[in-house]
Amino acid sequence: MVSAFLKVLNILSEYRDDLIDNMPLLAPFLELGSSPSEEELSQALSKLKKRKAGGKSDILPELLLCGGAELWRRILKLMQQVWKEGRGVGEWQDAVDVPALKKGDLRQCDN
């Protein structure tokens, strides 16, 4: 899997250390405001697209979308508990890149 990424867009980055070093630092934002609301959960669910992979959890968007009020209430309760405690499951922070290559030259971004 890694070797596929080494062959695709494996070019040197062009950046300037002096510009990065001189970027202004922002103070950390320690207060996150109010805990997640039912409206925010509803907005997030409305953005889910069907026929997408479930990621590491294998929970498909269709399950969340069709789960109904009881599932959504429990998800909201879990989100509010995580918010209150200020910590979540470490696996929630992981991402997995899966190449979905089409026909043609792998070095072309359109492919």
PDB file of N, CA and C in Angstrom:
ATOM      1  N   MET A   1       0.829  -1.195   0.000  1.00  0.00           N
ATOM      2  CA  MET A   1       0.000   0.000   0.000  1.00  0.00           C
ATOM      3  C   MET A   1       0.870   1.255   0.000  1.00  0.00           C
ATOM      4  N   VAL A   2       1.876   1.288   0.860  1.00  0.00           N
ATOM      5  CA  VAL A   2       2.749   2.457   0.953  1.00  0.00           C
ATOM      6  C   VAL A   2       3.472   2.702  -0.360  1.00  0.00           C
ATOM      7  N   SER A   3       3.901   1.626  -1.025  1.00  0.00           N
ATOM      8  CA  SER A   3       4.642   1.784  -2.269  1.00  0.00           C
ATOM      9  C   SER A   3       3.807   2.489  -3.333  1.00  0.00           C
ATOM     10  N   ALA A   4       2.483   2.318  -3.309  1.00  0.00           N
ATOM     11  CA  ALA A   4       1.625   3.010  -4.267  1.00  0.00           C
ATOM     12  C   ALA A   4       1.711   4.515  -4.065  1.00  0.00           C
ATOM     13  N   PHE A   5       1.791   4.954  -2.816  1.00  0.00           N
ATOM     14  CA  PHE A   5       1.865   6.374  -2.544  1.00  0.00           C
ATOM     15  C   PHE A   5       3.242   6.946  -2.882  1.00  0.00           C
ATOM     16  N   LEU A   6       4.283   6.130  -2.805  1.00  0.00           N
ATOM     17  CA  LEU A   6       5.619   6.620  -3.124  1.00  0.00           C
ATOM     18  C   LEU A   6       5.751   6.966  -4.599  1.00  0.00           C
ATOM     19  N   LYS A   7       4.995   6.282  -5.441  1.00  0.00           N
ATOM     20  CA  LYS A   7       5.074   6.514  -6.875  1.00  0.00           C
ATOM     21  C   LYS A   7       4.172   7.660  -7.329  1.00  0.00           C
ATOM     22  N   VAL A   8       3.208   8.028  -6.512  1.00  0.00           N
ATOM     23  CA  VAL A   8       2.229   9.050  -6.890  1.00  0.00           C
ATOM     24  C   VAL A   8       2.577  10.377  -6.225  1.00  0.00           C
ATOM     25  N   LEU A   9       2.750  11.388  -7.032  1.00  0.00           N
ATOM     26  CA  LEU A   9       2.999  12.744  -6.539  1.00  0.00           C
ATOM     27  C   LEU A   9       4.155  12.802  -5.552  1.00  0.00           C
ATOM     28  N   ASN A  10       5.171  12.023  -5.762  1.00  0.00           N
ATOM     29  CA  ASN A  10       6.331  12.001  -4.878  1.00  0.00           C
ATOM     30  C   ASN A  10       7.313  13.071  -5.344  1.00  0.00           C
ATOM     31  N   ILE A  11       6.995  14.319  -5.005  1.00  0.00           N
ATOM     32  CA  ILE A  11       7.833  15.439  -5.416  1.00  0.00           C
ATOM     33  C   ILE A  11       8.241  16.233  -4.176  1.00  0.00           C
ATOM     34  N   LEU A  12       9.330  16.936  -4.278  1.00  0.00           N
ATOM     35  CA  LEU A  12       9.788  17.748  -3.155  1.00  0.00           C
ATOM     36  C   LEU A  12       8.848  18.925  -2.935  1.00  0.00           C
ATOM     37  N   SER A  13       8.605  19.234  -1.686  1.00  0.00           N
ATOM     38  CA  SER A  13       7.784  20.394  -1.361  1.00  0.00           C
ATOM     39  C   SER A  13       8.607  21.658  -1.513  1.00  0.00           C
ATOM     40  N   GLU A  14       7.937  22.694  -1.944  1.00  0.00           N
ATOM     41  CA  GLU A  14       8.599  23.985  -2.053  1.00  0.00           C
ATOM     42  C   GLU A  14       7.994  24.917  -1.013  1.00  0.00           C
ATOM     43  N   TYR A  15       8.725  25.151   0.038  1.00  0.00           N
ATOM     44  CA  TYR A  15       8.294  26.076   1.078  1.00  0.00           C
ATOM     45  C   TYR A  15       9.514  26.757   1.641  1.00  0.00           C
ATOM     46  N   ARG A  16       9.264  27.842   2.358  1.00  0.00           N
ATOM     47  CA  ARG A  16      10.385  28.591   2.928  1.00  0.00           C
ATOM     48  C   ARG A  16      10.294  28.546   4.445  1.00  0.00           C
ATOM     49  N   ASP A  17      11.364  28.024   5.048  1.00  0.00           N
ATOM     50  CA  ASP A  17      11.399  27.931   6.511  1.00  0.00           C
ATOM     51  C   ASP A  17      11.233  29.298   7.164  1.00  0.00           C
ATOM     52  N   ASP A  18      11.829  30.347   6.570  1.00  0.00           N
ATOM     53  CA  ASP A  18      11.762  31.666   7.197  1.00  0.00           C
ATOM     54  C   ASP A  18      10.323  32.175   7.262  1.00  0.00           C
ATOM     55  N   LEU A  19       9.508  31.861   6.258  1.00  0.00           N
ATOM     56  CA  LEU A  19       8.110  32.289   6.296  1.00  0.00           C
ATOM     57  C   LEU A  19       7.333  31.529   7.363  1.00  0.00           C
ATOM     58  N   ILE A  20       7.608  30.249   7.472  1.00  0.00           N
ATOM     59  CA  ILE A  20       6.925  29.444   8.484  1.00  0.00           C
ATOM     60  C   ILE A  20       7.344  29.885   9.884  1.00  0.00           C
ATOM     61  N   ASP A  21       8.619  30.142  10.067  1.00  0.00           N
ATOM     62  CA  ASP A  21       9.111  30.563  11.383  1.00  0.00           C
ATOM     63  C   ASP A  21       8.543  31.912  11.804  1.00  0.00           C
ATOM     64  N   ASN A  22       8.191  32.754  10.843  1.00  0.00           N
ATOM     65  CA  ASN A  22       7.691  34.095  11.159  1.00  0.00           C
ATOM     66  C   ASN A  22       6.171  34.197  11.183  1.00  0.00           C
ATOM     67  N   MET A  23       5.499  33.068  11.032  1.00  0.00           N
ATOM     68  CA  MET A  23       4.036  33.095  11.097  1.00  0.00           C
ATOM     69  C   MET A  23       3.604  33.388  12.528  1.00  0.00           C
ATOM     70  N   PRO A  24       2.585  34.212  12.686  1.00  0.00           N
ATOM     71  CA  PRO A  24       2.136  34.519  14.049  1.00  0.00           C
ATOM     72  C   PRO A  24       1.514  33.290  14.710  1.00  0.00           C
ATOM     73  N   LEU A  25       1.821  33.122  15.982  1.00  0.00           N
ATOM     74  CA  LEU A  25       1.244  32.018  16.742  1.00  0.00           C
ATOM     75  C   LEU A  25      -0.044  32.486  17.393  1.00  0.00           C
ATOM     76  N   LEU A  26      -1.066  31.670  17.308  1.00  0.00           N
ATOM     77  CA  LEU A  26      -2.337  31.998  17.933  1.00  0.00           C
ATOM     78  C   LEU A  26      -2.418  31.332  19.300  1.00  0.00           C
ATOM     79  N   ALA A  27      -3.037  32.009  20.216  1.00  0.00           N
ATOM     80  CA  ALA A  27      -3.217  31.443  21.554  1.00  0.00           C
ATOM     81  C   ALA A  27      -4.148  30.238  21.463  1.00  0.00           C
ATOM     82  N   PRO A  28      -3.902  29.222  22.271  1.00  0.00           N
ATOM     83  CA  PRO A  28      -4.797  28.061  22.242  1.00  0.00           C
ATOM     84  C   PRO A  28      -6.201  28.447  22.673  1.00  0.00           C
ATOM     85  N   PHE A  29      -7.174  27.827  22.037  1.00  0.00           N
ATOM     86  CA  PHE A  29      -8.579  28.082  22.348  1.00  0.00           C
ATOM     87  C   PHE A  29      -9.022  27.035  23.355  1.00  0.00           C
ATOM     88  N   LEU A  30      -9.038  27.406  24.621  1.00  0.00           N
ATOM     89  CA  LEU A  30      -9.283  26.430  25.677  1.00  0.00           C
ATOM     90  C   LEU A  30     -10.762  26.189  25.956  1.00  0.00           C
ATOM     91  N   GLU A  31     -11.585  27.203  25.764  1.00  0.00           N
ATOM     92  CA  GLU A  31     -13.006  27.070  26.045  1.00  0.00           C
ATOM     93  C   GLU A  31     -13.737  26.703  24.762  1.00  0.00           C
ATOM     94  N   LEU A  32     -14.418  25.591  24.779  1.00  0.00           N
ATOM     95  CA  LEU A  32     -15.088  25.123  23.582  1.00  0.00           C
ATOM     96  C   LEU A  32     -16.550  25.535  23.505  1.00  0.00           C
ATOM     97  N   GLY A  33     -17.046  26.220  24.502  1.00  0.00           N
ATOM     98  CA  GLY A  33     -18.440  26.641  24.457  1.00  0.00           C
ATOM     99  C   GLY A  33     -19.359  25.561  24.989  1.00  0.00           C
ATOM    100  N   SER A  34     -20.581  25.555  24.486  1.00  0.00           N
ATOM    101  CA  SER A  34     -21.579  24.620  25.001  1.00  0.00           C
ATOM    102  C   SER A  34     -21.416  23.248  24.362  1.00  0.00           C
ATOM    103  N   SER A  35     -21.952  22.255  25.048  1.00  0.00           N
ATOM    104  CA  SER A  35     -21.847  20.883  24.552  1.00  0.00           C
ATOM    105  C   SER A  35     -22.680  20.708  23.283  1.00  0.00           C
ATOM    106  N   PRO A  36     -22.419  19.645  22.523  1.00  0.00           N
ATOM    107  CA  PRO A  36     -23.155  19.414  21.280  1.00  0.00           C
ATOM    108  C   PRO A  36     -24.664  19.362  21.513  1.00  0.00           C
ATOM    109  N   SER A  37     -25.381  19.949  20.590  1.00  0.00           N
ATOM    110  CA  SER A  37     -26.842  20.009  20.712  1.00  0.00           C
ATOM    111  C   SER A  37     -27.502  19.049  19.729  1.00  0.00           C
ATOM    112  N   GLU A  38     -28.782  18.835  19.926  1.00  0.00           N
ATOM    113  CA  GLU A  38     -29.552  17.992  19.017  1.00  0.00           C
ATOM    114  C   GLU A  38     -29.548  18.581  17.605  1.00  0.00           C
ATOM    115  N   GLU A  39     -29.612  19.896  17.522  1.00  0.00           N
ATOM    116  CA  GLU A  39     -29.592  20.560  16.218  1.00  0.00           C
ATOM    117  C   GLU A  39     -28.261  20.336  15.496  1.00  0.00           C
ATOM    118  N   GLU A  40     -27.152  20.416  16.242  1.00  0.00           N
ATOM    119  CA  GLU A  40     -25.842  20.182  15.631  1.00  0.00           C
ATOM    120  C   GLU A  40     -25.707  18.736  15.146  1.00  0.00           C
ATOM    121  N   LEU A  41     -26.210  17.797  15.928  1.00  0.00           N
ATOM    122  CA  LEU A  41     -26.180  16.402  15.503  1.00  0.00           C
ATOM    123  C   LEU A  41     -27.007  16.218  14.239  1.00  0.00           C
ATOM    124  N   SER A  42     -28.167  16.841  14.208  1.00  0.00           N
ATOM    125  CA  SER A  42     -29.033  16.754  13.033  1.00  0.00           C
ATOM    126  C   SER A  42     -28.343  17.321  11.796  1.00  0.00           C
ATOM    127  N   GLN A  43     -27.656  18.442  11.960  1.00  0.00           N
ATOM    128  CA  GLN A  43     -26.921  19.043  10.841  1.00  0.00           C
ATOM    129  C   GLN A  43     -25.812  18.113  10.361  1.00  0.00           C
ATOM    130  N   ALA A  44     -25.095  17.498  11.301  1.00  0.00           N
ATOM    131  CA  ALA A  44     -24.014  16.577  10.939  1.00  0.00           C
ATOM    132  C   ALA A  44     -24.571  15.356  10.215  1.00  0.00           C
ATOM    133  N   LEU A  45     -25.676  14.816  10.696  1.00  0.00           N
ATOM    134  CA  LEU A  45     -26.285  13.654  10.050  1.00  0.00           C
ATOM    135  C   LEU A  45     -26.769  13.992   8.650  1.00  0.00           C
ATOM    136  N   SER A  46     -27.255  15.211   8.465  1.00  0.00           N
ATOM    137  CA  SER A  46     -27.760  15.604   7.144  1.00  0.00           C
ATOM    138  C   SER A  46     -26.639  15.701   6.108  1.00  0.00           C
ATOM    139  N   LYS A  47     -25.405  15.811   6.553  1.00  0.00           N
ATOM    140  CA  LYS A  47     -24.265  15.910   5.642  1.00  0.00           C
ATOM    141  C   LYS A  47     -23.694  14.542   5.264  1.00  0.00           C
ATOM    142  N   LEU A  48     -24.141  13.496   5.951  1.00  0.00           N
ATOM    143  CA  LEU A  48     -23.655  12.153   5.636  1.00  0.00           C
ATOM    144  C   LEU A  48     -24.157  11.730   4.262  1.00  0.00           C
ATOM    145  N   LYS A  49     -23.314  11.015   3.543  1.00  0.00           N
ATOM    146  CA  LYS A  49     -23.679  10.519   2.224  1.00  0.00           C
ATOM    147  C   LYS A  49     -23.759   8.998   2.272  1.00  0.00           C
ATOM    148  N   LYS A  50     -24.795   8.483   1.642  1.00  0.00           N
ATOM    149  CA  LYS A  50     -24.957   7.026   1.582  1.00  0.00           C
ATOM    150  C   LYS A  50     -23.933   6.435   0.625  1.00  0.00           C
ATOM    151  N   ARG A  51     -23.743   5.130   0.769  1.00  0.00           N
ATOM    152  CA  ARG A  51     -22.821   4.363  -0.071  1.00  0.00           C
ATOM    153  C   ARG A  51     -21.367   4.786   0.108  1.00  0.00           C
ATOM    154  N   LYS A  52     -21.008   5.146   1.339  1.00  0.00           N
ATOM    155  CA  LYS A  52     -19.625   5.470   1.679  1.00  0.00           C
ATOM    156  C   LYS A  52     -19.128   4.441   2.681  1.00  0.00           C
ATOM    157  N   ALA A  53     -17.816   4.280   2.727  1.00  0.00           N
ATOM    158  CA  ALA A  53     -17.217   3.312   3.643  1.00  0.00           C
ATOM    159  C   ALA A  53     -17.430   3.733   5.090  1.00  0.00           C
ATOM    160  N   GLY A  54     -17.468   2.758   5.948  1.00  0.00           N
ATOM    161  CA  GLY A  54     -17.682   3.009   7.368  1.00  0.00           C
ATOM    162  C   GLY A  54     -16.422   3.386   8.126  1.00  0.00           C
ATOM    163  N   GLY A  55     -15.285   3.367   7.457  1.00  0.00           N
ATOM    164  CA  GLY A  55     -14.044   3.697   8.140  1.00  0.00           C
ATOM    165  C   GLY A  55     -13.620   2.581   9.075  1.00  0.00           C
ATOM    166  N   LYS A  56     -12.792   2.932  10.041  1.00  0.00           N
ATOM    167  CA  LYS A  56     -12.252   1.934  10.968  1.00  0.00           C
ATOM    168  C   LYS A  56     -13.341   1.258  11.796  1.00  0.00           C
ATOM    169  N   SER A  57     -14.399   1.991  12.087  1.00  0.00           N
ATOM    170  CA  SER A  57     -15.472   1.445  12.917  1.00  0.00           C
ATOM    171  C   SER A  57     -16.388   0.504  12.149  1.00  0.00           C
ATOM    172  N   ASP A  58     -16.347   0.581  10.827  1.00  0.00           N
ATOM    173  CA  ASP A  58     -17.246  -0.189   9.969  1.00  0.00           C
ATOM    174  C   ASP A  58     -18.710   0.179  10.180  1.00  0.00           C
ATOM    175  N   ILE A  59     -18.972   1.347  10.752  1.00  0.00           N
ATOM    176  CA  ILE A  59     -20.344   1.819  10.904  1.00  0.00           C
ATOM    177  C   ILE A  59     -20.699   2.603   9.645  1.00  0.00           C
ATOM    178  N   LEU A  60     -21.595   2.052   8.858  1.00  0.00           N
ATOM    179  CA  LEU A  60     -21.960   2.686   7.595  1.00  0.00           C
ATOM    180  C   LEU A  60     -22.870   3.890   7.822  1.00  0.00           C
ATOM    181  N   PRO A  61     -22.737   4.905   6.967  1.00  0.00           N
ATOM    182  CA  PRO A  61     -23.613   6.070   7.088  1.00  0.00           C
ATOM    183  C   PRO A  61     -25.091   5.697   7.067  1.00  0.00           C
ATOM    184  N   GLU A  62     -25.461   4.675   6.286  1.00  0.00           N
ATOM    185  CA  GLU A  62     -26.862   4.249   6.226  1.00  0.00           C
ATOM    186  C   GLU A  62     -27.390   3.844   7.596  1.00  0.00           C
ATOM    187  N   LEU A  63     -26.539   3.210   8.401  1.00  0.00           N
ATOM    188  CA  LEU A  63     -26.974   2.804   9.742  1.00  0.00           C
ATOM    189  C   LEU A  63     -27.302   4.037  10.581  1.00  0.00           C
ATOM    190  N   LEU A  64     -26.430   5.035  10.508  1.00  0.00           N
ATOM    191  CA  LEU A  64     -26.660   6.249  11.281  1.00  0.00           C
ATOM    192  C   LEU A  64     -27.875   7.013  10.766  1.00  0.00           C
ATOM    193  N   LEU A  65     -28.027   7.068   9.445  1.00  0.00           N
ATOM    194  CA  LEU A  65     -29.133   7.816   8.858  1.00  0.00           C
ATOM    195  C   LEU A  65     -30.480   7.156   9.104  1.00  0.00           C
ATOM    196  N   CYS A  66     -30.503   5.831   9.122  1.00  0.00           N
ATOM    197  CA  CYS A  66     -31.765   5.107   9.262  1.00  0.00           C
ATOM    198  C   CYS A  66     -31.995   4.604  10.685  1.00  0.00           C
ATOM    199  N   GLY A  67     -31.096   4.941  11.581  1.00  0.00           N
ATOM    200  CA  GLY A  67     -31.171   4.425  12.952  1.00  0.00           C
ATOM    201  C   GLY A  67     -32.358   4.908  13.740  1.00  0.00           C
ATOM    202  N   GLY A  68     -32.863   6.063  13.400  1.00  0.00           N
ATOM    203  CA  GLY A  68     -34.037   6.576  14.082  1.00  0.00           C
ATOM    204  C   GLY A  68     -33.723   7.364  15.341  1.00  0.00           C
ATOM    205  N   ALA A  69     -34.789   7.857  15.949  1.00  0.00           N
ATOM    206  CA  ALA A  69     -34.685   8.782  17.078  1.00  0.00           C
ATOM    207  C   ALA A  69     -33.938   8.195  18.271  1.00  0.00           C
ATOM    208  N   GLU A  70     -34.145   6.911  18.556  1.00  0.00           N
ATOM    209  CA  GLU A  70     -33.487   6.299  19.723  1.00  0.00           C
ATOM    210  C   GLU A  70     -31.971   6.255  19.537  1.00  0.00           C
ATOM    211  N   LEU A  71     -31.519   5.861  18.348  1.00  0.00           N
ATOM    212  CA  LEU A  71     -30.082   5.837  18.078  1.00  0.00           C
ATOM    213  C   LEU A  71     -29.506   7.245  18.159  1.00  0.00           C
ATOM    214  N   TRP A  72     -30.182   8.210  17.562  1.00  0.00           N
ATOM    215  CA  TRP A  72     -29.688   9.591  17.561  1.00  0.00           C
ATOM    216  C   TRP A  72     -29.628  10.147  18.983  1.00  0.00           C
ATOM    217  N   ARG A  73     -30.602   9.786  19.816  1.00  0.00           N
ATOM    218  CA  ARG A  73     -30.596  10.236  21.214  1.00  0.00           C
ATOM    219  C   ARG A  73     -29.384   9.662  21.943  1.00  0.00           C
ATOM    220  N   ARG A  74     -29.078   8.404  21.698  1.00  0.00           N
ATOM    221  CA  ARG A  74     -27.933   7.760  22.353  1.00  0.00           C
ATOM    222  C   ARG A  74     -26.604   8.321  21.844  1.00  0.00           C
ATOM    223  N   ILE A  75     -26.523   8.605  20.546  1.00  0.00           N
ATOM    224  CA  ILE A  75     -25.306   9.224  19.994  1.00  0.00           C
ATOM    225  C   ILE A  75     -25.098  10.586  20.626  1.00  0.00           C
ATOM    226  N   LEU A  76     -26.158  11.364  20.735  1.00  0.00           N
ATOM    227  CA  LEU A  76     -26.054  12.691  21.340  1.00  0.00           C
ATOM    228  C   LEU A  76     -25.619  12.587  22.798  1.00  0.00           C
ATOM    229  N   LYS A  77     -26.167  11.632  23.521  1.00  0.00           N
ATOM    230  CA  LYS A  77     -25.785  11.434  24.927  1.00  0.00           C
ATOM    231  C   LYS A  77     -24.294  11.089  25.028  1.00  0.00           C
ATOM    232  N   LEU A  78     -23.815  10.224  24.132  1.00  0.00           N
ATOM    233  CA  LEU A  78     -22.394   9.860  24.110  1.00  0.00           C
ATOM    234  C   LEU A  78     -21.537  11.081  23.787  1.00  0.00           C
ATOM    235  N   MET A  79     -21.930  11.837  22.789  1.00  0.00           N
ATOM    236  CA  MET A  79     -21.170  13.039  22.411  1.00  0.00           C
ATOM    237  C   MET A  79     -21.103  14.032  23.571  1.00  0.00           C
ATOM    238  N   GLN A  80     -22.201  14.215  24.267  1.00  0.00           N
ATOM    239  CA  GLN A  80     -22.227  15.146  25.396  1.00  0.00           C
ATOM    240  C   GLN A  80     -21.361  14.653  26.550  1.00  0.00           C
ATOM    241  N   GLN A  81     -21.319  13.350  26.768  1.00  0.00           N
ATOM    242  CA  GLN A  81     -20.458  12.790  27.814  1.00  0.00           C
ATOM    243  C   GLN A  81     -18.989  13.001  27.459  1.00  0.00           C
ATOM    244  N   VAL A  82     -18.622  12.735  26.209  1.00  0.00           N
ATOM    245  CA  VAL A  82     -17.244  12.948  25.751  1.00  0.00           C
ATOM    246  C   VAL A  82     -16.884  14.418  25.905  1.00  0.00           C
ATOM    247  N   TRP A  83     -17.798  15.303  25.552  1.00  0.00           N
ATOM    248  CA  TRP A  83     -17.570  16.747  25.666  1.00  0.00           C
ATOM    249  C   TRP A  83     -17.335  17.145  27.129  1.00  0.00           C
ATOM    250  N   LYS A  84     -18.164  16.620  28.013  1.00  0.00           N
ATOM    251  CA  LYS A  84     -18.080  16.949  29.432  1.00  0.00           C
ATOM    252  C   LYS A  84     -16.765  16.477  30.039  1.00  0.00           C
ATOM    253  N   GLU A  85     -16.354  15.251  29.676  1.00  0.00           N
ATOM    254  CA  GLU A  85     -15.132  14.680  30.238  1.00  0.00           C
ATOM    255  C   GLU A  85     -13.876  15.203  29.558  1.00  0.00           C
ATOM    256  N   GLY A  86     -14.025  15.749  28.363  1.00  0.00           N
ATOM    257  CA  GLY A  86     -12.883  16.317  27.651  1.00  0.00           C
ATOM    258  C   GLY A  86     -11.942  15.279  27.063  1.00  0.00           C
ATOM    259  N   ARG A  87     -12.442  14.090  26.875  1.00  0.00           N
ATOM    260  CA  ARG A  87     -11.609  13.051  26.265  1.00  0.00           C
ATOM    261  C   ARG A  87     -12.514  12.090  25.508  1.00  0.00           C
ATOM    262  N   GLY A  88     -11.948  11.492  24.477  1.00  0.00           N
ATOM    263  CA  GLY A  88     -12.709  10.548  23.673  1.00  0.00           C
ATOM    264  C   GLY A  88     -11.884   9.303  23.412  1.00  0.00           C
ATOM    265  N   VAL A  89     -12.418   8.429  22.647  1.00  0.00           N
ATOM    266  CA  VAL A  89     -11.731   7.193  22.288  1.00  0.00           C
ATOM    267  C   VAL A  89     -10.592   7.545  21.328  1.00  0.00           C
ATOM    268  N   GLY A  90      -9.396   7.040  21.603  1.00  0.00           N
ATOM    269  CA  GLY A  90      -8.229   7.347  20.779  1.00  0.00           C
ATOM    270  C   GLY A  90      -8.420   6.995  19.318  1.00  0.00           C
ATOM    271  N   GLU A  91      -9.148   5.919  19.047  1.00  0.00           N
ATOM    272  CA  GLU A  91      -9.369   5.497  17.663  1.00  0.00           C
ATOM    273  C   GLU A  91     -10.169   6.516  16.866  1.00  0.00           C
ATOM    274  N   TRP A  92     -10.921   7.388  17.529  1.00  0.00           N
ATOM    275  CA  TRP A  92     -11.708   8.397  16.824  1.00  0.00           C
ATOM    276  C   TRP A  92     -10.798   9.405  16.137  1.00  0.00           C
ATOM    277  N   GLN A  93      -9.562   9.489  16.581  1.00  0.00           N
ATOM    278  CA  GLN A  93      -8.633  10.463  16.021  1.00  0.00           C
ATOM    279  C   GLN A  93      -7.845   9.900  14.848  1.00  0.00           C
ATOM    280  N   ASP A  94      -7.975   8.606  14.598  1.00  0.00           N
ATOM    281  CA  ASP A  94      -7.236   7.963  13.516  1.00  0.00           C
ATOM    282  C   ASP A  94      -7.956   8.141  12.188  1.00  0.00           C
ATOM    283  N   ALA A  95      -7.189   8.211  11.137  1.00  0.00           N
ATOM    284  CA  ALA A  95      -7.737   8.258   9.788  1.00  0.00           C
ATOM    285  C   ALA A  95      -7.033   7.203   8.951  1.00  0.00           C
ATOM    286  N   VAL A  96      -7.721   6.713   7.957  1.00  0.00           N
ATOM    287  CA  VAL A  96      -7.153   5.707   7.070  1.00  0.00           C
ATOM    288  C   VAL A  96      -7.271   6.217   5.644  1.00  0.00           C
ATOM    289  N   ASP A  97      -6.139   6.287   4.943  1.00  0.00           N
ATOM    290  CA  ASP A  97      -6.139   6.671   3.532  1.00  0.00           C
ATOM    291  C   ASP A  97      -6.206   5.410   2.692  1.00  0.00           C
ATOM    292  N   VAL A  98      -7.206   5.363   1.857  1.00  0.00           N
ATOM    293  CA  VAL A  98      -7.358   4.216   0.968  1.00  0.00           C
ATOM    294  C   VAL A  98      -7.360   4.737  -0.461  1.00  0.00           C
ATOM    295  N   PRO A  99      -6.355   4.348  -1.247  1.00  0.00           N
ATOM    296  CA  PRO A  99      -6.332   4.833  -2.630  1.00  0.00           C
ATOM    297  C   PRO A  99      -7.447   4.196  -3.448  1.00  0.00           C
ATOM    298  N   ALA A 100      -8.140   5.014  -4.194  1.00  0.00           N
ATOM    299  CA  ALA A 100      -9.180   4.538  -5.100  1.00  0.00           C
ATOM    300  C   ALA A 100      -8.777   4.983  -6.488  1.00  0.00           C
ATOM    301  N   LEU A 101      -7.922   4.203  -7.119  1.00  0.00           N
ATOM    302  CA  LEU A 101      -7.345   4.595  -8.395  1.00  0.00           C
ATOM    303  C   LEU A 101      -8.270   4.248  -9.553  1.00  0.00           C
ATOM    304  N   LYS A 102      -8.316   5.144 -10.512  1.00  0.00           N
ATOM    305  CA  LYS A 102      -9.080   4.913 -11.730  1.00  0.00           C
ATOM    306  C   LYS A 102      -8.114   4.538 -12.835  1.00  0.00           C
ATOM    307  N   LYS A 103      -8.604   4.441 -14.024  1.00  0.00           N
ATOM    308  CA  LYS A 103      -7.754   4.094 -15.158  1.00  0.00           C
ATOM    309  C   LYS A 103      -6.800   5.232 -15.487  1.00  0.00           C
ATOM    310  N   GLY A 104      -5.689   4.901 -16.095  1.00  0.00           N
ATOM    311  CA  GLY A 104      -4.773   5.921 -16.569  1.00  0.00           C
ATOM    312  C   GLY A 104      -3.541   6.058 -15.704  1.00  0.00           C
ATOM    313  N   ASP A 105      -2.826   7.132 -15.934  1.00  0.00           N
ATOM    314  CA  ASP A 105      -1.563   7.419 -15.273  1.00  0.00           C
ATOM    315  C   ASP A 105      -1.799   7.770 -13.804  1.00  0.00           C
ATOM    316  N   LEU A 106      -1.165   7.031 -12.910  1.00  0.00           N
ATOM    317  CA  LEU A 106      -1.352   7.250 -11.479  1.00  0.00           C
ATOM    318  C   LEU A 106      -0.781   8.591 -11.026  1.00  0.00           C
ATOM    319  N   ARG A 107       0.099   9.164 -11.790  1.00  0.00           N
ATOM    320  CA  ARG A 107       0.715  10.446 -11.397  1.00  0.00           C
ATOM    321  C   ARG A 107      -0.193  11.623 -11.706  1.00  0.00           C
ATOM    322  N   GLN A 108      -1.277  11.397 -12.417  1.00  0.00           N
ATOM    323  CA  GLN A 108      -2.218  12.463 -12.737  1.00  0.00           C
ATOM    324  C   GLN A 108      -3.280  12.537 -11.636  1.00  0.00           C
ATOM    325  N   CYS A 109      -3.451  13.707 -11.043  1.00  0.00           N
ATOM    326  CA  CYS A 109      -4.404  13.861  -9.932  1.00  0.00           C
ATOM    327  C   CYS A 109      -5.829  13.492 -10.339  1.00  0.00           C
ATOM    328  N   ASP A 110      -6.176  13.672 -11.602  1.00  0.00           N
ATOM    329  CA  ASP A 110      -7.520  13.352 -12.055  1.00  0.00           C
ATOM    330  C   ASP A 110      -7.823  11.853 -12.029  1.00  0.00           C
ATOM    331  N   ASN A 111      -6.787  11.048 -11.925  1.00  0.00           N
ATOM    332  CA  ASN A 111      -6.972   9.603 -11.916  1.00  0.00           C
ATOM    333  C   ASN A 111      -7.018   9.049 -10.501  1.00  0.00           C
TER     334      ASN A 111
END
